[in-house]
Amino acid sequence: MDEKKFELKRRFAGGKKPSMKRRSSMHDYHAQRFYMITLAVRDRCPVLGRLVYGVSAHEDAHIELSEMGQAVADEWAGISHYYPQVGVIAG
């Protein structure tokens, strides 16, 4: 998207929100794309879960979700319900 087209669209979108400051004016965010999303909590406290190491060599390490982590995972899985145009590939 060129700068002129971006400025025309921006007039109808209102002011730039703080979360949009890192967005490029040269990228078309409306096009179909894959996006990788990372969640981080304040001070990186492990409130969403914890890493559990396998007890034996045959057991892989995995994330054990806390109650809050499970709530986030449930909401994440339901994104397509609220926004049908968005597909979640992995959670």
PDB file of N, CA and C in Angstrom:
ATOM      1  N   MET A   1       0.859  -1.166   0.000  1.00  0.00           N
ATOM      2  CA  MET A   1       0.000   0.000   0.000  1.00  0.00           C
ATOM      3  C   MET A   1       0.904   1.227   0.000  1.00  0.00           C
ATOM      4  N   ASP A   2       0.646   2.145  -0.922  1.00  0.00           N
ATOM      5  CA  ASP A   2       1.493   3.330  -0.984  1.00  0.00           C
ATOM      6  C   ASP A   2       1.050   4.363   0.063  1.00  0.00           C
ATOM      7  N   GLU A   3       1.879   5.340   0.293  1.00  0.00           N
ATOM      8  CA  GLU A   3       1.657   6.341   1.341  1.00  0.00           C
ATOM      9  C   GLU A   3       0.361   7.130   1.117  1.00  0.00           C
ATOM     10  N   LYS A   4       0.066   7.473  -0.138  1.00  0.00           N
ATOM     11  CA  LYS A   4      -1.130   8.255  -0.452  1.00  0.00           C
ATOM     12  C   LYS A   4      -2.402   7.472  -0.104  1.00  0.00           C
ATOM     13  N   LYS A   5      -2.437   6.193  -0.491  1.00  0.00           N
ATOM     14  CA  LYS A   5      -3.589   5.348  -0.205  1.00  0.00           C
ATOM     15  C   LYS A   5      -3.759   5.171   1.310  1.00  0.00           C
ATOM     16  N   PHE A   6      -2.621   5.025   2.013  1.00  0.00           N
ATOM     17  CA  PHE A   6      -2.648   4.876   3.463  1.00  0.00           C
ATOM     18  C   PHE A   6      -3.251   6.117   4.120  1.00  0.00           C
ATOM     19  N   GLU A   7      -2.834   7.288   3.687  1.00  0.00           N
ATOM     20  CA  GLU A   7      -3.333   8.539   4.267  1.00  0.00           C
ATOM     21  C   GLU A   7      -4.830   8.711   4.007  1.00  0.00           C
ATOM     22  N   LEU A   8      -5.316   8.306   2.840  1.00  0.00           N
ATOM     23  CA  LEU A   8      -6.747   8.391   2.543  1.00  0.00           C
ATOM     24  C   LEU A   8      -7.560   7.492   3.479  1.00  0.00           C
ATOM     25  N   LYS A   9      -7.072   6.283   3.714  1.00  0.00           N
ATOM     26  CA  LYS A   9      -7.768   5.358   4.608  1.00  0.00           C
ATOM     27  C   LYS A   9      -7.693   5.824   6.052  1.00  0.00           C
ATOM     28  N   ARG A  10      -6.587   6.407   6.427  1.00  0.00           N
ATOM     29  CA  ARG A  10      -6.368   6.812   7.809  1.00  0.00           C
ATOM     30  C   ARG A  10      -7.345   7.902   8.247  1.00  0.00           C
ATOM     31  N   ARG A  11      -7.774   8.752   7.332  1.00  0.00           N
ATOM     32  CA  ARG A  11      -8.712   9.825   7.679  1.00  0.00           C
ATOM     33  C   ARG A  11      -9.991   9.273   8.293  1.00  0.00           C
ATOM     34  N   PHE A  12     -10.407   8.093   7.849  1.00  0.00           N
ATOM     35  CA  PHE A  12     -11.641   7.498   8.334  1.00  0.00           C
ATOM     36  C   PHE A  12     -11.422   6.609   9.551  1.00  0.00           C
ATOM     37  N   ALA A  13     -10.192   6.305   9.858  1.00  0.00           N
ATOM     38  CA  ALA A  13      -9.887   5.403  10.962  1.00  0.00           C
ATOM     39  C   ALA A  13      -9.674   6.136  12.272  1.00  0.00           C
ATOM     40  N   GLY A  14      -9.532   7.452  12.230  1.00  0.00           N
ATOM     41  CA  GLY A  14      -9.272   8.201  13.456  1.00  0.00           C
ATOM     42  C   GLY A  14      -7.783   8.249  13.745  1.00  0.00           C
ATOM     43  N   GLY A  15      -7.447   8.675  14.931  1.00  0.00           N
ATOM     44  CA  GLY A  15      -6.041   8.807  15.313  1.00  0.00           C
ATOM     45  C   GLY A  15      -5.350   7.469  15.441  1.00  0.00           C
ATOM     46  N   LYS A  16      -4.045   7.518  15.408  1.00  0.00           N
ATOM     47  CA  LYS A  16      -3.248   6.301  15.525  1.00  0.00           C
ATOM     48  C   LYS A  16      -3.205   5.868  16.983  1.00  0.00           C
ATOM     49  N   LYS A  17      -3.597   4.644  17.235  1.00  0.00           N
ATOM     50  CA  LYS A  17      -3.597   4.106  18.597  1.00  0.00           C
ATOM     51  C   LYS A  17      -2.166   3.750  18.994  1.00  0.00           C
ATOM     52  N   PRO A  18      -1.858   3.735  20.304  1.00  0.00           N
ATOM     53  CA  PRO A  18      -0.497   3.387  20.740  1.00  0.00           C
ATOM     54  C   PRO A  18      -0.020   2.039  20.216  1.00  0.00           C
ATOM     55  N   SER A  19      -0.947   1.067  20.095  1.00  0.00           N
ATOM     56  CA  SER A  19      -0.551  -0.258  19.617  1.00  0.00           C
ATOM     57  C   SER A  19      -0.204  -0.261  18.134  1.00  0.00           C
ATOM     58  N   MET A  20      -0.550   0.803  17.433  1.00  0.00           N
ATOM     59  CA  MET A  20      -0.307   0.868  15.990  1.00  0.00           C
ATOM     60  C   MET A  20       0.991   1.589  15.642  1.00  0.00           C
ATOM     61  N   LYS A  21       1.715   2.084  16.619  1.00  0.00           N
ATOM     62  CA  LYS A  21       2.919   2.864  16.350  1.00  0.00           C
ATOM     63  C   LYS A  21       3.996   2.066  15.624  1.00  0.00           C
ATOM     64  N   ARG A  22       4.006   0.746  15.822  1.00  0.00           N
ATOM     65  CA  ARG A  22       5.029  -0.084  15.175  1.00  0.00           C
ATOM     66  C   ARG A  22       4.608  -0.539  13.790  1.00  0.00           C
ATOM     67  N   ARG A  23       3.388  -0.232  13.384  1.00  0.00           N
ATOM     68  CA  ARG A  23       2.901  -0.669  12.081  1.00  0.00           C
ATOM     69  C   ARG A  23       3.529   0.139  10.957  1.00  0.00           C
ATOM     70  N   SER A  24       3.828  -0.530   9.889  1.00  0.00           N
ATOM     71  CA  SER A  24       4.411   0.110   8.718  1.00  0.00           C
ATOM     72  C   SER A  24       3.313   0.702   7.844  1.00  0.00           C
ATOM     73  N   SER A  25       3.510   1.916   7.383  1.00  0.00           N
ATOM     74  CA  SER A  25       2.529   2.534   6.495  1.00  0.00           C
ATOM     75  C   SER A  25       2.615   1.939   5.085  1.00  0.00           C
ATOM     76  N   MET A  26       3.646   1.176   4.807  1.00  0.00           N
ATOM     77  CA  MET A  26       3.837   0.591   3.483  1.00  0.00           C
ATOM     78  C   MET A  26       3.322  -0.856   3.398  1.00  0.00           C
ATOM     79  N   HIS A  27       2.712  -1.364   4.466  1.00  0.00           N
ATOM     80  CA  HIS A  27       2.234  -2.750   4.483  1.00  0.00           C
ATOM     81  C   HIS A  27       0.707  -2.763   4.462  1.00  0.00           C
ATOM     82  N   ASP A  28       0.122  -3.639   3.663  1.00  0.00           N
ATOM     83  CA  ASP A  28      -1.324  -3.777   3.597  1.00  0.00           C
ATOM     84  C   ASP A  28      -1.767  -4.827   4.620  1.00  0.00           C
ATOM     85  N   TYR A  29      -2.242  -4.369   5.761  1.00  0.00           N
ATOM     86  CA  TYR A  29      -2.661  -5.275   6.826  1.00  0.00           C
ATOM     87  C   TYR A  29      -4.018  -5.926   6.554  1.00  0.00           C
ATOM     88  N   HIS A  30      -4.686  -5.542   5.476  1.00  0.00           N
ATOM     89  CA  HIS A  30      -5.971  -6.137   5.129  1.00  0.00           C
ATOM     90  C   HIS A  30      -5.810  -7.378   4.252  1.00  0.00           C
ATOM     91  N   ALA A  31      -4.640  -7.572   3.692  1.00  0.00           N
ATOM     92  CA  ALA A  31      -4.415  -8.725   2.822  1.00  0.00           C
ATOM     93  C   ALA A  31      -4.340 -10.008   3.657  1.00  0.00           C
ATOM     94  N   GLN A  32      -4.653 -11.121   3.016  1.00  0.00           N
ATOM     95  CA  GLN A  32      -4.586 -12.409   3.701  1.00  0.00           C
ATOM     96  C   GLN A  32      -3.126 -12.766   3.951  1.00  0.00           C
ATOM     97  N   ARG A  33      -2.783 -13.010   5.186  1.00  0.00           N
ATOM     98  CA  ARG A  33      -1.405 -13.301   5.577  1.00  0.00           C
ATOM     99  C   ARG A  33      -1.407 -14.265   6.762  1.00  0.00           C
ATOM    100  N   PHE A  34      -0.235 -14.775   7.062  1.00  0.00           N
ATOM    101  CA  PHE A  34      -0.003 -15.529   8.289  1.00  0.00           C
ATOM    102  C   PHE A  34       0.686 -14.596   9.263  1.00  0.00           C
ATOM    103  N   TYR A  35       0.215 -14.561  10.486  1.00  0.00           N
ATOM    104  CA  TYR A  35       0.840 -13.748  11.528  1.00  0.00           C
ATOM    105  C   TYR A  35       1.179 -14.644  12.704  1.00  0.00           C
ATOM    106  N   MET A  36       2.337 -14.437  13.269  1.00  0.00           N
ATOM    107  CA  MET A  36       2.744 -15.164  14.466  1.00  0.00           C
ATOM    108  C   MET A  36       2.543 -14.218  15.646  1.00  0.00           C
ATOM    109  N   ILE A  37       1.814 -14.684  16.638  1.00  0.00           N
ATOM    110  CA  ILE A  37       1.481 -13.878  17.801  1.00  0.00           C
ATOM    111  C   ILE A  37       2.194 -14.460  19.017  1.00  0.00           C
ATOM    112  N   THR A  38       2.813 -13.592  19.798  1.00  0.00           N
ATOM    113  CA  THR A  38       3.475 -14.000  21.025  1.00  0.00           C
ATOM    114  C   THR A  38       2.844 -13.232  22.181  1.00  0.00           C
ATOM    115  N   LEU A  39       2.503 -13.931  23.229  1.00  0.00           N
ATOM    116  CA  LEU A  39       1.951 -13.287  24.418  1.00  0.00           C
ATOM    117  C   LEU A  39       3.020 -13.215  25.490  1.00  0.00           C
ATOM    118  N   ALA A  40       3.129 -12.066  26.109  1.00  0.00           N
ATOM    119  CA  ALA A  40       4.041 -11.898  27.236  1.00  0.00           C
ATOM    120  C   ALA A  40       3.305 -11.112  28.311  1.00  0.00           C
ATOM    121  N   VAL A  41       3.451 -11.510  29.548  1.00  0.00           N
ATOM    122  CA  VAL A  41       2.781 -10.812  30.638  1.00  0.00           C
ATOM    123  C   VAL A  41       3.761  -9.881  31.334  1.00  0.00           C
ATOM    124  N   ARG A  42       3.210  -8.975  32.102  1.00  0.00           N
ATOM    125  CA  ARG A  42       4.013  -7.973  32.809  1.00  0.00           C
ATOM    126  C   ARG A  42       5.111  -8.635  33.633  1.00  0.00           C
ATOM    127  N   ASP A  43       6.294  -8.129  33.507  1.00  0.00           N
ATOM    128  CA  ASP A  43       7.479  -8.643  34.204  1.00  0.00           C
ATOM    129  C   ASP A  43       7.772 -10.113  33.886  1.00  0.00           C
ATOM    130  N   ARG A  44       7.133 -10.618  32.836  1.00  0.00           N
ATOM    131  CA  ARG A  44       7.319 -12.000  32.385  1.00  0.00           C
ATOM    132  C   ARG A  44       7.096 -13.036  33.498  1.00  0.00           C
ATOM    133  N   CYS A  45       6.157 -12.733  34.391  1.00  0.00           N
ATOM    134  CA  CYS A  45       5.809 -13.671  35.457  1.00  0.00           C
ATOM    135  C   CYS A  45       5.110 -14.884  34.847  1.00  0.00           C
ATOM    136  N   PRO A  46       5.393 -16.078  35.336  1.00  0.00           N
ATOM    137  CA  PRO A  46       4.798 -17.287  34.749  1.00  0.00           C
ATOM    138  C   PRO A  46       3.368 -17.538  35.232  1.00  0.00           C
ATOM    139  N   VAL A  47       2.467 -16.593  34.969  1.00  0.00           N
ATOM    140  CA  VAL A  47       1.086 -16.730  35.447  1.00  0.00           C
ATOM    141  C   VAL A  47       0.216 -17.566  34.511  1.00  0.00           C
ATOM    142  N   LEU A  48       0.670 -17.820  33.286  1.00  0.00           N
ATOM    143  CA  LEU A  48      -0.133 -18.589  32.332  1.00  0.00           C
ATOM    144  C   LEU A  48       0.139 -20.090  32.406  1.00  0.00           C
ATOM    145  N   GLY A  49       1.227 -20.461  33.021  1.00  0.00           N
ATOM    146  CA  GLY A  49       1.557 -21.877  33.134  1.00  0.00           C
ATOM    147  C   GLY A  49       3.013 -22.070  33.488  1.00  0.00           C
ATOM    148  N   ARG A  50       3.422 -23.325  33.455  1.00  0.00           N
ATOM    149  CA  ARG A  50       4.821 -23.623  33.773  1.00  0.00           C
ATOM    150  C   ARG A  50       5.323 -24.759  32.892  1.00  0.00           C
ATOM    151  N   LEU A  51       6.618 -24.767  32.681  1.00  0.00           N
ATOM    152  CA  LEU A  51       7.248 -25.826  31.890  1.00  0.00           C
ATOM    153  C   LEU A  51       7.483 -27.023  32.786  1.00  0.00           C
ATOM    154  N   VAL A  52       6.977 -28.174  32.371  1.00  0.00           N
ATOM    155  CA  VAL A  52       7.133 -29.413  33.125  1.00  0.00           C
ATOM    156  C   VAL A  52       8.033 -30.328  32.316  1.00  0.00           C
ATOM    157  N   TYR A  53       9.139 -30.742  32.909  1.00  0.00           N
ATOM    158  CA  TYR A  53      10.080 -31.623  32.224  1.00  0.00           C
ATOM    159  C   TYR A  53       9.640 -33.070  32.382  1.00  0.00           C
ATOM    160  N   GLY A  54       9.920 -33.854  31.353  1.00  0.00           N
ATOM    161  CA  GLY A  54       9.573 -35.266  31.380  1.00  0.00           C
ATOM    162  C   GLY A  54      10.295 -35.991  32.496  1.00  0.00           C
ATOM    163  N   VAL A  55       9.595 -36.892  33.151  1.00  0.00           N
ATOM    164  CA  VAL A  55      10.182 -37.666  34.243  1.00  0.00           C
ATOM    165  C   VAL A  55      11.165 -38.686  33.691  1.00  0.00           C
ATOM    166  N   SER A  56      10.817 -39.281  32.561  1.00  0.00           N
ATOM    167  CA  SER A  56      11.703 -40.278  31.963  1.00  0.00           C
ATOM    168  C   SER A  56      12.167 -39.784  30.595  1.00  0.00           C
ATOM    169  N   ALA A  57      13.088 -40.503  30.007  1.00  0.00           N
ATOM    170  CA  ALA A  57      13.619 -40.142  28.696  1.00  0.00           C
ATOM    171  C   ALA A  57      12.558 -40.269  27.602  1.00  0.00           C
ATOM    172  N   HIS A  58      11.499 -41.017  27.878  1.00  0.00           N
ATOM    173  CA  HIS A  58      10.448 -41.243  26.883  1.00  0.00           C
ATOM    174  C   HIS A  58       9.356 -40.173  26.931  1.00  0.00           C
ATOM    175  N   GLU A  59       9.389 -39.338  27.942  1.00  0.00           N
ATOM    176  CA  GLU A  59       8.358 -38.322  28.122  1.00  0.00           C
ATOM    177  C   GLU A  59       8.915 -36.949  27.755  1.00  0.00           C
ATOM    178  N   ASP A  60       8.212 -36.233  26.883  1.00  0.00           N
ATOM    179  CA  ASP A  60       8.650 -34.913  26.448  1.00  0.00           C
ATOM    180  C   ASP A  60       8.270 -33.850  27.466  1.00  0.00           C
ATOM    181  N   ALA A  61       9.027 -32.768  27.475  1.00  0.00           N
ATOM    182  CA  ALA A  61       8.669 -31.615  28.285  1.00  0.00           C
ATOM    183  C   ALA A  61       7.421 -30.984  27.684  1.00  0.00           C
ATOM    184  N   HIS A  62       6.602 -30.377  28.518  1.00  0.00           N
ATOM    185  CA  HIS A  62       5.375 -29.759  28.044  1.00  0.00           C
ATOM    186  C   HIS A  62       4.988 -28.595  28.959  1.00  0.00           C
ATOM    187  N   ILE A  63       4.044 -27.808  28.495  1.00  0.00           N
ATOM    188  CA  ILE A  63       3.548 -26.687  29.281  1.00  0.00           C
ATOM    189  C   ILE A  63       2.300 -27.140  30.034  1.00  0.00           C
ATOM    190  N   GLU A  64       2.295 -26.902  31.324  1.00  0.00           N
ATOM    191  CA  GLU A  64       1.127 -27.172  32.147  1.00  0.00           C
ATOM    192  C   GLU A  64       0.457 -25.822  32.403  1.00  0.00           C
ATOM    193  N   LEU A  65      -0.724 -25.625  31.846  1.00  0.00           N
ATOM    194  CA  LEU A  65      -1.409 -24.341  31.947  1.00  0.00           C
ATOM    195  C   LEU A  65      -1.999 -24.126  33.341  1.00  0.00           C
ATOM    196  N   SER A  66      -1.906 -22.887  33.804  1.00  0.00           N
ATOM    197  CA  SER A  66      -2.590 -22.505  35.035  1.00  0.00           C
ATOM    198  C   SER A  66      -4.058 -22.253  34.688  1.00  0.00           C
ATOM    199  N   GLU A  67      -4.864 -21.911  35.675  1.00  0.00           N
ATOM    200  CA  GLU A  67      -6.269 -21.608  35.415  1.00  0.00           C
ATOM    201  C   GLU A  67      -6.383 -20.417  34.465  1.00  0.00           C
ATOM    202  N   MET A  68      -5.560 -19.412  34.687  1.00  0.00           N
ATOM    203  CA  MET A  68      -5.572 -18.243  33.805  1.00  0.00           C
ATOM    204  C   MET A  68      -5.067 -18.621  32.412  1.00  0.00           C
ATOM    205  N   GLY A  69      -4.053 -19.452  32.340  1.00  0.00           N
ATOM    206  CA  GLY A  69      -3.523 -19.906  31.063  1.00  0.00           C
ATOM    207  C   GLY A  69      -4.558 -20.690  30.268  1.00  0.00           C
ATOM    208  N   GLN A  70      -5.356 -21.499  30.965  1.00  0.00           N
ATOM    209  CA  GLN A  70      -6.410 -22.262  30.300  1.00  0.00           C
ATOM    210  C   GLN A  70      -7.490 -21.332  29.766  1.00  0.00           C
ATOM    211  N   ALA A  71      -7.795 -20.276  30.513  1.00  0.00           N
ATOM    212  CA  ALA A  71      -8.793 -19.295  30.060  1.00  0.00           C
ATOM    213  C   ALA A  71      -8.304 -18.591  28.795  1.00  0.00           C
ATOM    214  N   VAL A  72      -7.016 -18.240  28.758  1.00  0.00           N
ATOM    215  CA  VAL A  72      -6.439 -17.608  27.569  1.00  0.00           C
ATOM    216  C   VAL A  72      -6.475 -18.584  26.391  1.00  0.00           C
ATOM    217  N   ALA A  73      -6.115 -19.831  26.629  1.00  0.00           N
ATOM    218  CA  ALA A  73      -6.118 -20.843  25.569  1.00  0.00           C
ATOM    219  C   ALA A  73      -7.533 -21.048  25.009  1.00  0.00           C
ATOM    220  N   ASP A  74      -8.531 -21.046  25.890  1.00  0.00           N
ATOM    221  CA  ASP A  74      -9.917 -21.208  25.442  1.00  0.00           C
ATOM    222  C   ASP A  74     -10.354 -20.033  24.572  1.00  0.00           C
ATOM    223  N   GLU A  75     -10.013 -18.822  24.994  1.00  0.00           N
ATOM    224  CA  GLU A  75     -10.359 -17.634  24.202  1.00  0.00           C
ATOM    225  C   GLU A  75      -9.632 -17.652  22.861  1.00  0.00           C
ATOM    226  N   TRP A  76      -8.367 -18.045  22.886  1.00  0.00           N
ATOM    227  CA  TRP A  76      -7.565 -18.109  21.662  1.00  0.00           C
ATOM    228  C   TRP A  76      -8.204 -19.084  20.674  1.00  0.00           C
ATOM    229  N   ALA A  77      -8.640 -20.225  21.167  1.00  0.00           N
ATOM    230  CA  ALA A  77      -9.260 -21.230  20.296  1.00  0.00           C
ATOM    231  C   ALA A  77     -10.598 -20.745  19.750  1.00  0.00           C
ATOM    232  N   GLY A  78     -11.251 -19.803  20.452  1.00  0.00           N
ATOM    233  CA  GLY A  78     -12.552 -19.315  20.025  1.00  0.00           C
ATOM    234  C   GLY A  78     -12.517 -18.096  19.125  1.00  0.00           C
ATOM    235  N   ILE A  79     -11.338 -17.635  18.754  1.00  0.00           N
ATOM    236  CA  ILE A  79     -11.227 -16.441  17.912  1.00  0.00           C
ATOM    237  C   ILE A  79     -12.031 -16.589  16.624  1.00  0.00           C
ATOM    238  N   SER A  80     -11.966 -17.740  15.999  1.00  0.00           N
ATOM    239  CA  SER A  80     -12.684 -17.963  14.735  1.00  0.00           C
ATOM    240  C   SER A  80     -14.196 -17.870  14.909  1.00  0.00           C
ATOM    241  N   HIS A  81     -14.672 -18.119  16.120  1.00  0.00           N
ATOM    242  CA  HIS A  81     -16.105 -17.999  16.401  1.00  0.00           C
ATOM    243  C   HIS A  81     -16.534 -16.531  16.350  1.00  0.00           C
ATOM    244  N   TYR A  82     -15.706 -15.654  16.889  1.00  0.00           N
ATOM    245  CA  TYR A  82     -16.022 -14.227  16.915  1.00  0.00           C
ATOM    246  C   TYR A  82     -15.663 -13.536  15.597  1.00  0.00           C
ATOM    247  N   TYR A  83     -14.581 -13.981  14.986  1.00  0.00           N
ATOM    248  CA  TYR A  83     -14.097 -13.397  13.735  1.00  0.00           C
ATOM    249  C   TYR A  83     -13.929 -14.512  12.708  1.00  0.00           C
ATOM    250  N   PRO A  84     -14.980 -14.845  11.957  1.00  0.00           N
ATOM    251  CA  PRO A  84     -14.927 -15.969  11.020  1.00  0.00           C
ATOM    252  C   PRO A  84     -13.831 -15.846   9.960  1.00  0.00           C
ATOM    253  N   GLN A  85     -13.386 -14.627   9.665  1.00  0.00           N
ATOM    254  CA  GLN A  85     -12.360 -14.430   8.660  1.00  0.00           C
ATOM    255  C   GLN A  85     -10.957 -14.757   9.182  1.00  0.00           C
ATOM    256  N   VAL A  86     -10.855 -15.037  10.493  1.00  0.00           N
ATOM    257  CA  VAL A  86      -9.567 -15.336  11.106  1.00  0.00           C
ATOM    258  C   VAL A  86      -9.523 -16.822  11.438  1.00  0.00           C
ATOM    259  N   GLY A  87      -8.464 -17.473  10.993  1.00  0.00           N
ATOM    260  CA  GLY A  87      -8.278 -18.884  11.315  1.00  0.00           C
ATOM    261  C   GLY A  87      -7.074 -19.065  12.212  1.00  0.00           C
ATOM    262  N   VAL A  88      -7.243 -19.822  13.281  1.00  0.00           N
ATOM    263  CA  VAL A  88      -6.140 -20.113  14.203  1.00  0.00           C
ATOM    264  C   VAL A  88      -5.573 -21.461  13.809  1.00  0.00           C
ATOM    265  N   ILE A  89      -4.293 -21.489  13.487  1.00  0.00           N
ATOM    266  CA  ILE A  89      -3.667 -22.739  13.035  1.00  0.00           C
ATOM    267  C   ILE A  89      -3.147 -23.563  14.196  1.00  0.00           C
ATOM    268  N   ALA A  90      -2.505 -22.919  15.152  1.00  0.00           N
ATOM    269  CA  ALA A  90      -1.951 -23.623  16.312  1.00  0.00           C
ATOM    270  C   ALA A  90      -2.196 -22.794  17.559  1.00  0.00           C
ATOM    271  N   GLY A  91      -2.257 -23.452  18.670  1.00  0.00           N
ATOM    272  CA  GLY A  91      -2.512 -22.729  19.909  1.00  0.00           C
ATOM    273  C   GLY A  91      -1.535 -23.080  20.971  1.00  0.00           C
TER     274      GLY A  91
END
